[in-house]
Amino acid sequence: MRRFPWLWLVALAAGFGLGLFYSWIISPVHYIDTTPDTLRADFKDQFRIAIAAAYSADHNLERAKARLALLGDTDAVQTLTAQAQRMLAAGESIDSIQQVALLATDLKSGVASLPVAATVTRTIVSVGPASQTAATPMSTLDAAIIPSDTPTAEIVNTPFVFDTPTPRPTRTPVPTAGAPFVLVSQDIVCNPNLTYGLMQISTIDNRGHQMPGVEIVITWNGGEEHFFTGLKPEIANGYADYIMQAGVTYTVRVAESGVPIPNLVAPTCPDSNGQTYTGGLHLTFQQP
């Protein structure tokens, strides 16, 4: 009778253990200069947040696309939208959420949002027979400069012009407190193909353009919900929705400076068979 090869098994186990000890403890693998597509999922999220923050500063859409391509996402728009929703549910920074949502919106439209134009202050230092030092805010560098009539004692033939631009502000889609949104339309939606009790909200600026990244606050007896427009760019850049429960009265406020719209209830709609179902609402808010 042949004996079982215990010695071989012990040697094999010992070799396997020594190999693990060497690779895990003595000389573990160190990744150097790895590509972003090999990052862990949470590190990829941080990478996208950094890309969105950079885009909010320079609004260079092509550069943002190139950076996102390094992550190897199949659909960058969908990935950014899903990440913004996760960040909102986790209670992360509103500024970061808005930056991610704005990047997703601009990628969807293919057009980069323009930063707010900076105000340029021109300081004129002109010493001559009919001029004096002046500091005038200018909207362009080609504005006319009118010298004063007060003569100076020193006569110098060559004037000196110093242009001092103010720092360019970072664009953000959040409305200011001085320009609250107002409700411009409220419609009952009876469409059996939509989710029952769907409250649809659209936010537009004073030119009628869709506004992403606007905070919506919905409250009811014993509850409150916060979310943002622009997380469903496939519908509209300034679109958001919320599923209402039948018989519950809601109050909606758009942004911190918005006026609350109370007593919102899901309507009852008839179908083709004479039955009823819970309809929805469509609210449009505009910033003056």
C-alpha atoms as a PDB file:
ATOM      1  CA  MET A   1       0.000   0.000   0.000  1.00  0.00           C
ATOM      2  CA  ARG A   2       1.336   3.394  -0.999  1.00  0.00           C
ATOM      3  CA  ARG A   3       1.613   5.994   1.753  1.00  0.00           C
ATOM      4  CA  PHE A   4      -0.111   9.374   1.383  1.00  0.00           C
ATOM      5  CA  PRO A   5       2.458  12.060   0.394  1.00  0.00           C
ATOM      6  CA  TRP A   6       2.107  14.184   3.535  1.00  0.00           C
ATOM      7  CA  LEU A   7       5.600  15.501   3.176  1.00  0.00           C
ATOM      8  CA  TRP A   8       4.837  16.931  -0.246  1.00  0.00           C
ATOM      9  CA  LEU A   9       1.670  18.598   1.004  1.00  0.00           C
ATOM     10  CA  VAL A  10       3.484  20.175   3.959  1.00  0.00           C
ATOM     11  CA  ALA A  11       6.241  21.458   1.687  1.00  0.00           C
ATOM     12  CA  LEU A  12       3.682  22.880  -0.750  1.00  0.00           C
ATOM     13  CA  ALA A  13       1.745  24.646   2.022  1.00  0.00           C
ATOM     14  CA  ALA A  14       4.951  26.016   3.530  1.00  0.00           C
ATOM     15  CA  GLY A  15       6.078  27.343   0.153  1.00  0.00           C
ATOM     16  CA  PHE A  16       2.694  28.939  -0.465  1.00  0.00           C
ATOM     17  CA  GLY A  17       2.729  30.585   2.968  1.00  0.00           C
ATOM     18  CA  LEU A  18       6.263  31.875   2.529  1.00  0.00           C
ATOM     19  CA  GLY A  19       5.318  33.303  -0.865  1.00  0.00           C
ATOM     20  CA  LEU A  20       2.334  35.171   0.606  1.00  0.00           C
ATOM     21  CA  PHE A  21       4.439  36.460   3.503  1.00  0.00           C
ATOM     22  CA  TYR A  22       7.089  37.775   1.120  1.00  0.00           C
ATOM     23  CA  SER A  23       4.617  39.419  -1.289  1.00  0.00           C
ATOM     24  CA  TRP A  24       2.360  40.940   1.388  1.00  0.00           C
ATOM     25  CA  ILE A  25       4.807  41.814   4.177  1.00  0.00           C
ATOM     26  CA  ILE A  26       8.412  41.866   3.002  1.00  0.00           C
ATOM     27  CA  SER A  27       8.013  43.241  -0.525  1.00  0.00           C
ATOM     28  CA  PRO A  28       4.423  44.252  -1.299  1.00  0.00           C
ATOM     29  CA  VAL A  29       3.477  45.647  -4.678  1.00  0.00           C
ATOM     30  CA  HIS A  30       3.664  49.448  -4.931  1.00  0.00           C
ATOM     31  CA  TYR A  31       1.759  51.121  -7.765  1.00  0.00           C
ATOM     32  CA  ILE A  32       3.626  54.105  -9.204  1.00  0.00           C
ATOM     33  CA  ASP A  33       2.363  56.415 -11.971  1.00  0.00           C
ATOM     34  CA  THR A  34      -0.742  54.317 -12.491  1.00  0.00           C
ATOM     35  CA  THR A  35      -3.497  55.560 -14.807  1.00  0.00           C
ATOM     36  CA  PRO A  36      -6.740  57.050 -13.386  1.00  0.00           C
ATOM     37  CA  ASP A  37      -8.908  54.280 -14.879  1.00  0.00           C
ATOM     38  CA  THR A  38      -7.320  51.812 -12.422  1.00  0.00           C
ATOM     39  CA  LEU A  39      -8.350  53.851  -9.378  1.00  0.00           C
ATOM     40  CA  ARG A  40     -10.807  52.591  -6.803  1.00  0.00           C
ATOM     41  CA  ALA A  41     -14.411  53.798  -7.250  1.00  0.00           C
ATOM     42  CA  ASP A  42     -14.279  56.327  -4.392  1.00  0.00           C
ATOM     43  CA  PHE A  43     -10.980  57.756  -5.673  1.00  0.00           C
ATOM     44  CA  LYS A  44     -12.542  58.115  -9.129  1.00  0.00           C
ATOM     45  CA  ASP A  45     -15.346  60.143  -7.512  1.00  0.00           C
ATOM     46  CA  GLN A  46     -12.773  62.476  -5.971  1.00  0.00           C
ATOM     47  CA  PHE A  47     -11.044  62.765  -9.345  1.00  0.00           C
ATOM     48  CA  ARG A  48     -14.344  63.838 -10.982  1.00  0.00           C
ATOM     49  CA  ILE A  49     -14.967  66.402  -8.231  1.00  0.00           C
ATOM     50  CA  ALA A  50     -11.531  67.890  -8.895  1.00  0.00           C
ATOM     51  CA  ILE A  51     -12.239  68.005 -12.646  1.00  0.00           C
ATOM     52  CA  ALA A  52     -15.600  69.711 -12.030  1.00  0.00           C
ATOM     53  CA  ALA A  53     -13.984  72.269  -9.710  1.00  0.00           C
ATOM     54  CA  ALA A  54     -11.342  73.077 -12.331  1.00  0.00           C
ATOM     55  CA  TYR A  55     -14.022  73.395 -15.007  1.00  0.00           C
ATOM     56  CA  SER A  56     -16.062  75.807 -12.889  1.00  0.00           C
ATOM     57  CA  ALA A  57     -12.985  78.047 -12.792  1.00  0.00           C
ATOM     58  CA  ASP A  58     -11.789  77.954 -16.417  1.00  0.00           C
ATOM     59  CA  HIS A  59     -14.888  76.673 -18.327  1.00  0.00           C
ATOM     60  CA  ASN A  60     -12.624  74.771 -20.696  1.00  0.00           C
ATOM     61  CA  LEU A  61     -14.966  71.991 -21.823  1.00  0.00           C
ATOM     62  CA  GLU A  62     -12.444  70.247 -24.077  1.00  0.00           C
ATOM     63  CA  ARG A  63      -9.915  70.027 -21.258  1.00  0.00           C
ATOM     64  CA  ALA A  64     -12.584  68.641 -18.929  1.00  0.00           C
ATOM     65  CA  LYS A  65     -13.518  66.013 -21.540  1.00  0.00           C
ATOM     66  CA  ALA A  66      -9.871  64.978 -21.890  1.00  0.00           C
ATOM     67  CA  ARG A  67      -9.499  64.635 -18.135  1.00  0.00           C
ATOM     68  CA  LEU A  68     -12.704  62.612 -17.797  1.00  0.00           C
ATOM     69  CA  ALA A  69     -11.576  60.329 -20.611  1.00  0.00           C
ATOM     70  CA  LEU A  70      -8.674  59.218 -18.408  1.00  0.00           C
ATOM     71  CA  LEU A  71     -11.181  57.547 -16.079  1.00  0.00           C
ATOM     72  CA  GLY A  72     -12.478  55.289 -18.853  1.00  0.00           C
ATOM     73  CA  ASP A  73     -16.178  55.877 -18.090  1.00  0.00           C
ATOM     74  CA  THR A  74     -18.559  54.516 -20.713  1.00  0.00           C
ATOM     75  CA  ASP A  75     -20.933  57.504 -20.375  1.00  0.00           C
ATOM     76  CA  ALA A  76     -19.369  60.490 -18.614  1.00  0.00           C
ATOM     77  CA  VAL A  77     -22.663  62.425 -18.467  1.00  0.00           C
ATOM     78  CA  GLN A  78     -24.543  59.581 -16.819  1.00  0.00           C
ATOM     79  CA  THR A  79     -21.668  58.886 -14.436  1.00  0.00           C
ATOM     80  CA  LEU A  80     -21.464  62.538 -13.342  1.00  0.00           C
ATOM     81  CA  THR A  81     -25.243  62.741 -12.930  1.00  0.00           C
ATOM     82  CA  ALA A  82     -25.310  59.615 -10.784  1.00  0.00           C
ATOM     83  CA  GLN A  83     -22.414  60.892  -8.688  1.00  0.00           C
ATOM     84  CA  ALA A  84     -24.192  64.236  -8.097  1.00  0.00           C
ATOM     85  CA  GLN A  85     -27.254  62.341  -6.869  1.00  0.00           C
ATOM     86  CA  ARG A  86     -25.105  60.232  -4.532  1.00  0.00           C
ATOM     87  CA  MET A  87     -23.371  63.342  -3.206  1.00  0.00           C
ATOM     88  CA  LEU A  88     -26.731  64.995  -2.575  1.00  0.00           C
ATOM     89  CA  ALA A  89     -28.012  61.945  -0.697  1.00  0.00           C
ATOM     90  CA  ALA A  90     -24.805  61.856   1.367  1.00  0.00           C
ATOM     91  CA  GLY A  91     -25.135  65.529   2.332  1.00  0.00           C
ATOM     92  CA  GLU A  92     -21.861  66.619   0.748  1.00  0.00           C
ATOM     93  CA  SER A  93     -20.875  70.201  -0.094  1.00  0.00           C
ATOM     94  CA  ILE A  94     -23.506  72.040  -2.123  1.00  0.00           C
ATOM     95  CA  ASP A  95     -20.803  73.851  -4.085  1.00  0.00           C
ATOM     96  CA  SER A  96     -19.234  70.550  -5.156  1.00  0.00           C
ATOM     97  CA  ILE A  97     -22.633  69.105  -6.103  1.00  0.00           C
ATOM     98  CA  GLN A  98     -23.426  72.143  -8.240  1.00  0.00           C
ATOM     99  CA  GLN A  99     -20.046  71.960  -9.971  1.00  0.00           C
ATOM    100  CA  VAL A 100     -20.511  68.272 -10.839  1.00  0.00           C
ATOM    101  CA  ALA A 101     -24.102  68.894 -12.033  1.00  0.00           C
ATOM    102  CA  LEU A 102     -22.990  71.871 -14.161  1.00  0.00           C
ATOM    103  CA  LEU A 103     -20.240  69.832 -15.822  1.00  0.00           C
ATOM    104  CA  ALA A 104     -22.729  67.051 -16.605  1.00  0.00           C
ATOM    105  CA  THR A 105     -25.156  69.590 -18.090  1.00  0.00           C
ATOM    106  CA  ASP A 106     -22.530  71.254 -20.276  1.00  0.00           C
ATOM    107  CA  LEU A 107     -21.206  67.898 -21.461  1.00  0.00           C
ATOM    108  CA  LYS A 108     -24.751  66.937 -22.434  1.00  0.00           C
ATOM    109  CA  SER A 109     -25.319  70.152 -24.387  1.00  0.00           C
ATOM    110  CA  GLY A 110     -21.798  70.263 -25.800  1.00  0.00           C
ATOM    111  CA  VAL A 111     -21.541  73.985 -25.043  1.00  0.00           C
ATOM    112  CA  ALA A 112     -19.406  75.432 -22.251  1.00  0.00           C
ATOM    113  CA  SER A 113     -21.094  77.880 -19.893  1.00  0.00           C
ATOM    114  CA  LEU A 114     -19.611  81.337 -20.078  1.00  0.00           C
ATOM    115  CA  PRO A 115     -18.110  82.835 -16.918  1.00  0.00           C
ATOM    116  CA  VAL A 116     -19.456  86.098 -15.614  1.00  0.00           C
ATOM    117  CA  ALA A 117     -17.642  89.033 -17.229  1.00  0.00           C
ATOM    118  CA  ALA A 118     -15.291  90.842 -14.901  1.00  0.00           C
ATOM    119  CA  THR A 119     -15.456  94.576 -14.261  1.00  0.00           C
ATOM    120  CA  VAL A 120     -12.241  96.325 -15.258  1.00  0.00           C
ATOM    121  CA  THR A 121     -11.066  99.406 -13.415  1.00  0.00           C
ATOM    122  CA  ARG A 122      -8.842 101.765 -15.371  1.00  0.00           C
ATOM    123  CA  THR A 123      -6.623 104.114 -13.433  1.00  0.00           C
ATOM    124  CA  ILE A 124      -5.501 107.104 -15.465  1.00  0.00           C
ATOM    125  CA  VAL A 125      -2.356 108.876 -14.312  1.00  0.00           C
ATOM    126  CA  SER A 126      -1.847 111.743 -16.711  1.00  0.00           C
ATOM    127  CA  VAL A 127       0.275 114.735 -15.747  1.00  0.00           C
ATOM    128  CA  GLY A 128      -0.184 117.651 -18.076  1.00  0.00           C
ATOM    129  CA  PRO A 129      -1.553 121.111 -18.387  1.00  0.00           C
ATOM    130  CA  ALA A 130      -5.166 120.019 -18.300  1.00  0.00           C
ATOM    131  CA  SER A 131      -5.364 116.634 -16.576  1.00  0.00           C
ATOM    132  CA  GLN A 132      -5.348 115.002 -13.171  1.00  0.00           C
ATOM    133  CA  THR A 133      -5.174 111.534 -11.632  1.00  0.00           C
ATOM    134  CA  ALA A 134      -8.490 109.668 -11.938  1.00  0.00           C
ATOM    135  CA  ALA A 135      -9.753 106.161 -11.228  1.00  0.00           C
ATOM    136  CA  THR A 136     -12.812 105.218 -13.295  1.00  0.00           C
ATOM    137  CA  PRO A 137     -14.606 101.835 -13.475  1.00  0.00           C
ATOM    138  CA  MET A 138     -14.857 100.815 -17.129  1.00  0.00           C
ATOM    139  CA  SER A 139     -16.886  98.075 -18.794  1.00  0.00           C
ATOM    140  CA  THR A 140     -14.453  97.996 -21.746  1.00  0.00           C
ATOM    141  CA  LEU A 141     -10.921  99.198 -22.344  1.00  0.00           C
ATOM    142  CA  ASP A 142     -12.012 101.454 -25.200  1.00  0.00           C
ATOM    143  CA  ALA A 143     -14.196 103.840 -23.218  1.00  0.00           C
ATOM    144  CA  ALA A 144     -13.574 107.562 -23.709  1.00  0.00           C
ATOM    145  CA  ILE A 145     -11.427 109.350 -21.159  1.00  0.00           C
ATOM    146  CA  ILE A 146     -12.376 112.961 -20.533  1.00  0.00           C
ATOM    147  CA  PRO A 147      -9.721 114.993 -18.704  1.00  0.00           C
ATOM    148  CA  SER A 148     -10.713 117.499 -16.054  1.00  0.00           C
ATOM    149  CA  ASP A 149     -10.257 121.234 -16.332  1.00  0.00           C
ATOM    150  CA  THR A 150      -8.045 121.570 -13.264  1.00  0.00           C
ATOM    151  CA  PRO A 151      -4.419 122.358 -14.296  1.00  0.00           C
ATOM    152  CA  THR A 152      -1.442 120.967 -12.486  1.00  0.00           C
ATOM    153  CA  ALA A 153       1.819 122.676 -11.703  1.00  0.00           C
ATOM    154  CA  GLU A 154       4.095 120.186 -13.465  1.00  0.00           C
ATOM    155  CA  ILE A 155       4.026 119.849 -17.231  1.00  0.00           C
ATOM    156  CA  VAL A 156       4.831 116.440 -18.715  1.00  0.00           C
ATOM    157  CA  ASN A 157       4.118 115.715 -22.354  1.00  0.00           C
ATOM    158  CA  THR A 158       3.689 111.906 -22.140  1.00  0.00           C
ATOM    159  CA  PRO A 159       0.709 110.461 -20.205  1.00  0.00           C
ATOM    160  CA  PHE A 160       0.910 107.095 -18.437  1.00  0.00           C
ATOM    161  CA  VAL A 161      -2.034 104.672 -18.428  1.00  0.00           C
ATOM    162  CA  PHE A 162      -2.292 101.791 -15.983  1.00  0.00           C
ATOM    163  CA  ASP A 163      -4.987  99.113 -16.485  1.00  0.00           C
ATOM    164  CA  THR A 164      -5.868  97.256 -13.299  1.00  0.00           C
ATOM    165  CA  PRO A 165      -8.414  94.438 -13.870  1.00  0.00           C
ATOM    166  CA  THR A 166     -10.331  93.065 -10.948  1.00  0.00           C
ATOM    167  CA  PRO A 167     -10.125  89.284 -10.323  1.00  0.00           C
ATOM    168  CA  ARG A 168     -12.561  87.277 -12.457  1.00  0.00           C
ATOM    169  CA  PRO A 169     -15.340  85.824 -10.293  1.00  0.00           C
ATOM    170  CA  THR A 170     -16.171  82.142 -10.411  1.00  0.00           C
ATOM    171  CA  ARG A 171     -19.462  81.438 -12.162  1.00  0.00           C
ATOM    172  CA  THR A 172     -22.100  79.653 -10.143  1.00  0.00           C
ATOM    173  CA  PRO A 173     -25.671  78.805 -11.196  1.00  0.00           C
ATOM    174  CA  VAL A 174     -27.084  79.615  -7.771  1.00  0.00           C
ATOM    175  CA  PRO A 175     -29.255  82.779  -7.836  1.00  0.00           C
ATOM    176  CA  THR A 176     -28.366  85.678  -5.602  1.00  0.00           C
ATOM    177  CA  ALA A 177     -30.464  86.632  -2.612  1.00  0.00           C
ATOM    178  CA  GLY A 178     -31.495  89.849  -4.364  1.00  0.00           C
ATOM    179  CA  ALA A 179     -33.113  88.046  -7.298  1.00  0.00           C
ATOM    180  CA  PRO A 180     -35.548  85.439  -5.925  1.00  0.00           C
ATOM    181  CA  PHE A 181     -37.376  83.076  -8.220  1.00  0.00           C
ATOM    182  CA  VAL A 182     -41.082  83.681  -8.777  1.00  0.00           C
ATOM    183  CA  LEU A 183     -43.733  81.210  -9.876  1.00  0.00           C
ATOM    184  CA  VAL A 184     -44.803  82.058 -13.423  1.00  0.00           C
ATOM    185  CA  SER A 185     -46.990  79.029 -14.189  1.00  0.00           C
ATOM    186  CA  GLN A 186     -48.633  76.140 -12.372  1.00  0.00           C
ATOM    187  CA  ASP A 187     -50.302  73.423 -14.440  1.00  0.00           C
ATOM    188  CA  ILE A 188     -52.096  70.182 -13.620  1.00  0.00           C
ATOM    189  CA  VAL A 189     -50.629  67.238 -15.549  1.00  0.00           C
ATOM    190  CA  CYS A 190     -52.942  64.287 -16.284  1.00  0.00           C
ATOM    191  CA  ASN A 191     -50.828  61.752 -18.113  1.00  0.00           C
ATOM    192  CA  PRO A 192     -51.212  58.062 -17.205  1.00  0.00           C
ATOM    193  CA  ASN A 193     -47.822  57.356 -18.813  1.00  0.00           C
ATOM    194  CA  LEU A 194     -46.029  59.440 -16.168  1.00  0.00           C
ATOM    195  CA  THR A 195     -45.230  58.370 -12.640  1.00  0.00           C
ATOM    196  CA  TYR A 196     -48.282  58.981 -10.466  1.00  0.00           C
ATOM    197  CA  GLY A 197     -48.030  62.106  -8.332  1.00  0.00           C
ATOM    198  CA  LEU A 198     -45.035  63.492 -10.239  1.00  0.00           C
ATOM    199  CA  MET A 199     -44.252  67.130  -9.432  1.00  0.00           C
ATOM    200  CA  GLN A 200     -42.193  68.568 -12.294  1.00  0.00           C
ATOM    201  CA  ILE A 201     -40.227  71.770 -11.664  1.00  0.00           C
ATOM    202  CA  SER A 202     -38.523  73.985 -14.249  1.00  0.00           C
ATOM    203  CA  THR A 203     -36.220  76.915 -13.413  1.00  0.00           C
ATOM    204  CA  ILE A 204     -35.346  79.567 -15.998  1.00  0.00           C
ATOM    205  CA  ASP A 205     -33.546  82.907 -15.946  1.00  0.00           C
ATOM    206  CA  ASN A 206     -34.911  86.250 -17.099  1.00  0.00           C
ATOM    207  CA  ARG A 207     -34.055  85.379 -20.717  1.00  0.00           C
ATOM    208  CA  GLY A 208     -35.921  82.065 -20.601  1.00  0.00           C
ATOM    209  CA  HIS A 209     -32.779  79.895 -20.437  1.00  0.00           C
ATOM    210  CA  GLN A 210     -32.799  76.722 -18.346  1.00  0.00           C
ATOM    211  CA  MET A 211     -30.830  77.019 -15.075  1.00  0.00           C
ATOM    212  CA  PRO A 212     -29.095  73.925 -13.640  1.00  0.00           C
ATOM    213  CA  GLY A 213     -27.810  73.636 -10.080  1.00  0.00           C
ATOM    214  CA  VAL A 214     -30.744  75.476  -8.458  1.00  0.00           C
ATOM    215  CA  GLU A 215     -31.739  74.110  -5.055  1.00  0.00           C
ATOM    216  CA  ILE A 216     -35.363  73.027  -4.562  1.00  0.00           C
ATOM    217  CA  VAL A 217     -36.788  72.624  -1.050  1.00  0.00           C
ATOM    218  CA  ILE A 218     -40.024  70.677  -0.550  1.00  0.00           C
ATOM    219  CA  THR A 219     -41.623  70.472   2.892  1.00  0.00           C
ATOM    220  CA  TRP A 220     -44.710  68.781   4.271  1.00  0.00           C
ATOM    221  CA  ASN A 221     -46.083  67.967   7.672  1.00  0.00           C
ATOM    222  CA  GLY A 222     -43.235  66.124   9.354  1.00  0.00           C
ATOM    223  CA  GLY A 223     -40.799  66.039   6.452  1.00  0.00           C
ATOM    224  CA  GLU A 224     -38.437  68.006   4.205  1.00  0.00           C
ATOM    225  CA  GLU A 225     -36.510  67.189   1.030  1.00  0.00           C
ATOM    226  CA  HIS A 226     -33.696  69.061  -0.789  1.00  0.00           C
ATOM    227  CA  PHE A 227     -32.620  68.421  -4.380  1.00  0.00           C
ATOM    228  CA  PHE A 228     -31.257  70.293  -7.411  1.00  0.00           C
ATOM    229  CA  THR A 229     -32.186  70.999 -10.998  1.00  0.00           C
ATOM    230  CA  GLY A 230     -29.932  69.787 -13.804  1.00  0.00           C
ATOM    231  CA  LEU A 231     -29.526  66.196 -12.606  1.00  0.00           C
ATOM    232  CA  LYS A 232     -31.666  64.966 -15.512  1.00  0.00           C
ATOM    233  CA  PRO A 233     -30.150  66.784 -18.509  1.00  0.00           C
ATOM    234  CA  GLU A 234     -31.806  64.301 -20.868  1.00  0.00           C
ATOM    235  CA  ILE A 235     -35.102  66.090 -20.043  1.00  0.00           C
ATOM    236  CA  ALA A 236     -33.940  69.699 -19.547  1.00  0.00           C
ATOM    237  CA  ASN A 237     -31.024  71.523 -17.931  1.00  0.00           C
ATOM    238  CA  GLY A 238     -33.272  73.335 -15.450  1.00  0.00           C
ATOM    239  CA  TYR A 239     -35.524  70.347 -14.713  1.00  0.00           C
ATOM    240  CA  ALA A 240     -36.139  68.474 -11.465  1.00  0.00           C
ATOM    241  CA  ASP A 241     -38.985  66.305 -10.217  1.00  0.00           C
ATOM    242  CA  TYR A 242     -40.397  64.808  -7.042  1.00  0.00           C
ATOM    243  CA  ILE A 243     -43.032  62.112  -6.441  1.00  0.00           C
ATOM    244  CA  MET A 244     -45.909  63.400  -4.310  1.00  0.00           C
ATOM    245  CA  GLN A 245     -48.070  61.176  -2.146  1.00  0.00           C
ATOM    246  CA  ALA A 246     -51.845  61.379  -2.527  1.00  0.00           C
ATOM    247  CA  GLY A 247     -53.534  63.397   0.202  1.00  0.00           C
ATOM    248  CA  VAL A 248     -50.319  65.125   1.375  1.00  0.00           C
ATOM    249  CA  THR A 249     -50.049  68.924   1.196  1.00  0.00           C
ATOM    250  CA  TYR A 250     -46.660  70.255   0.111  1.00  0.00           C
ATOM    251  CA  THR A 251     -44.856  73.603   0.134  1.00  0.00           C
ATOM    252  CA  VAL A 252     -42.176  74.330  -2.479  1.00  0.00           C
ATOM    253  CA  ARG A 253     -39.422  76.926  -2.250  1.00  0.00           C
ATOM    254  CA  VAL A 254     -36.808  77.561  -4.945  1.00  0.00           C
ATOM    255  CA  ALA A 255     -33.379  78.590  -3.630  1.00  0.00           C
ATOM    256  CA  GLU A 256     -32.831  80.310  -0.304  1.00  0.00           C
ATOM    257  CA  SER A 257     -34.393  83.580  -1.423  1.00  0.00           C
ATOM    258  CA  GLY A 258     -37.437  82.041  -3.082  1.00  0.00           C
ATOM    259  CA  VAL A 259     -40.990  82.689  -1.934  1.00  0.00           C
ATOM    260  CA  PRO A 260     -42.652  79.495  -0.573  1.00  0.00           C
ATOM    261  CA  ILE A 261     -45.531  78.142  -2.662  1.00  0.00           C
ATOM    262  CA  PRO A 262     -47.930  76.414  -0.216  1.00  0.00           C
ATOM    263  CA  ASN A 263     -50.961  74.117  -0.502  1.00  0.00           C
ATOM    264  CA  LEU A 264     -49.685  71.934  -3.341  1.00  0.00           C
ATOM    265  CA  VAL A 265     -51.633  68.666  -3.562  1.00  0.00           C
ATOM    266  CA  ALA A 266     -51.462  65.891  -6.161  1.00  0.00           C
ATOM    267  CA  PRO A 267     -54.614  66.218  -8.302  1.00  0.00           C
ATOM    268  CA  THR A 268     -57.053  63.447  -9.174  1.00  0.00           C
ATOM    269  CA  CYS A 269     -57.349  62.691 -12.893  1.00  0.00           C
ATOM    270  CA  PRO A 270     -59.900  60.538 -14.769  1.00  0.00           C
ATOM    271  CA  ASP A 271     -58.777  57.839 -17.196  1.00  0.00           C
ATOM    272  CA  SER A 272     -60.459  56.563 -20.367  1.00  0.00           C
ATOM    273  CA  ASN A 273     -62.338  53.864 -18.412  1.00  0.00           C
ATOM    274  CA  GLY A 274     -63.966  56.292 -16.034  1.00  0.00           C
ATOM    275  CA  GLN A 275     -61.580  55.451 -13.211  1.00  0.00           C
ATOM    276  CA  THR A 276     -59.344  57.951 -11.454  1.00  0.00           C
ATOM    277  CA  TYR A 277     -55.639  58.087 -10.780  1.00  0.00           C
ATOM    278  CA  THR A 278     -53.203  60.472  -9.101  1.00  0.00           C
ATOM    279  CA  GLY A 279     -52.028  63.166 -11.473  1.00  0.00           C
ATOM    280  CA  GLY A 280     -49.121  65.552 -11.229  1.00  0.00           C
ATOM    281  CA  LEU A 281     -48.136  69.216 -11.280  1.00  0.00           C
ATOM    282  CA  HIS A 282     -45.774  71.253 -13.437  1.00  0.00           C
ATOM    283  CA  LEU A 283     -44.371  74.385 -11.804  1.00  0.00           C
ATOM    284  CA  THR A 284     -42.209  76.898 -13.694  1.00  0.00           C
ATOM    285  CA  PHE A 285     -40.101  79.364 -11.737  1.00  0.00           C
ATOM    286  CA  GLN A 286     -38.287  82.327 -13.272  1.00  0.00           C
ATOM    287  CA  GLN A 287     -35.598  84.585 -11.898  1.00  0.00           C
ATOM    288  CA  PRO A 288     -36.408  88.263 -12.641  1.00  0.00           C
END
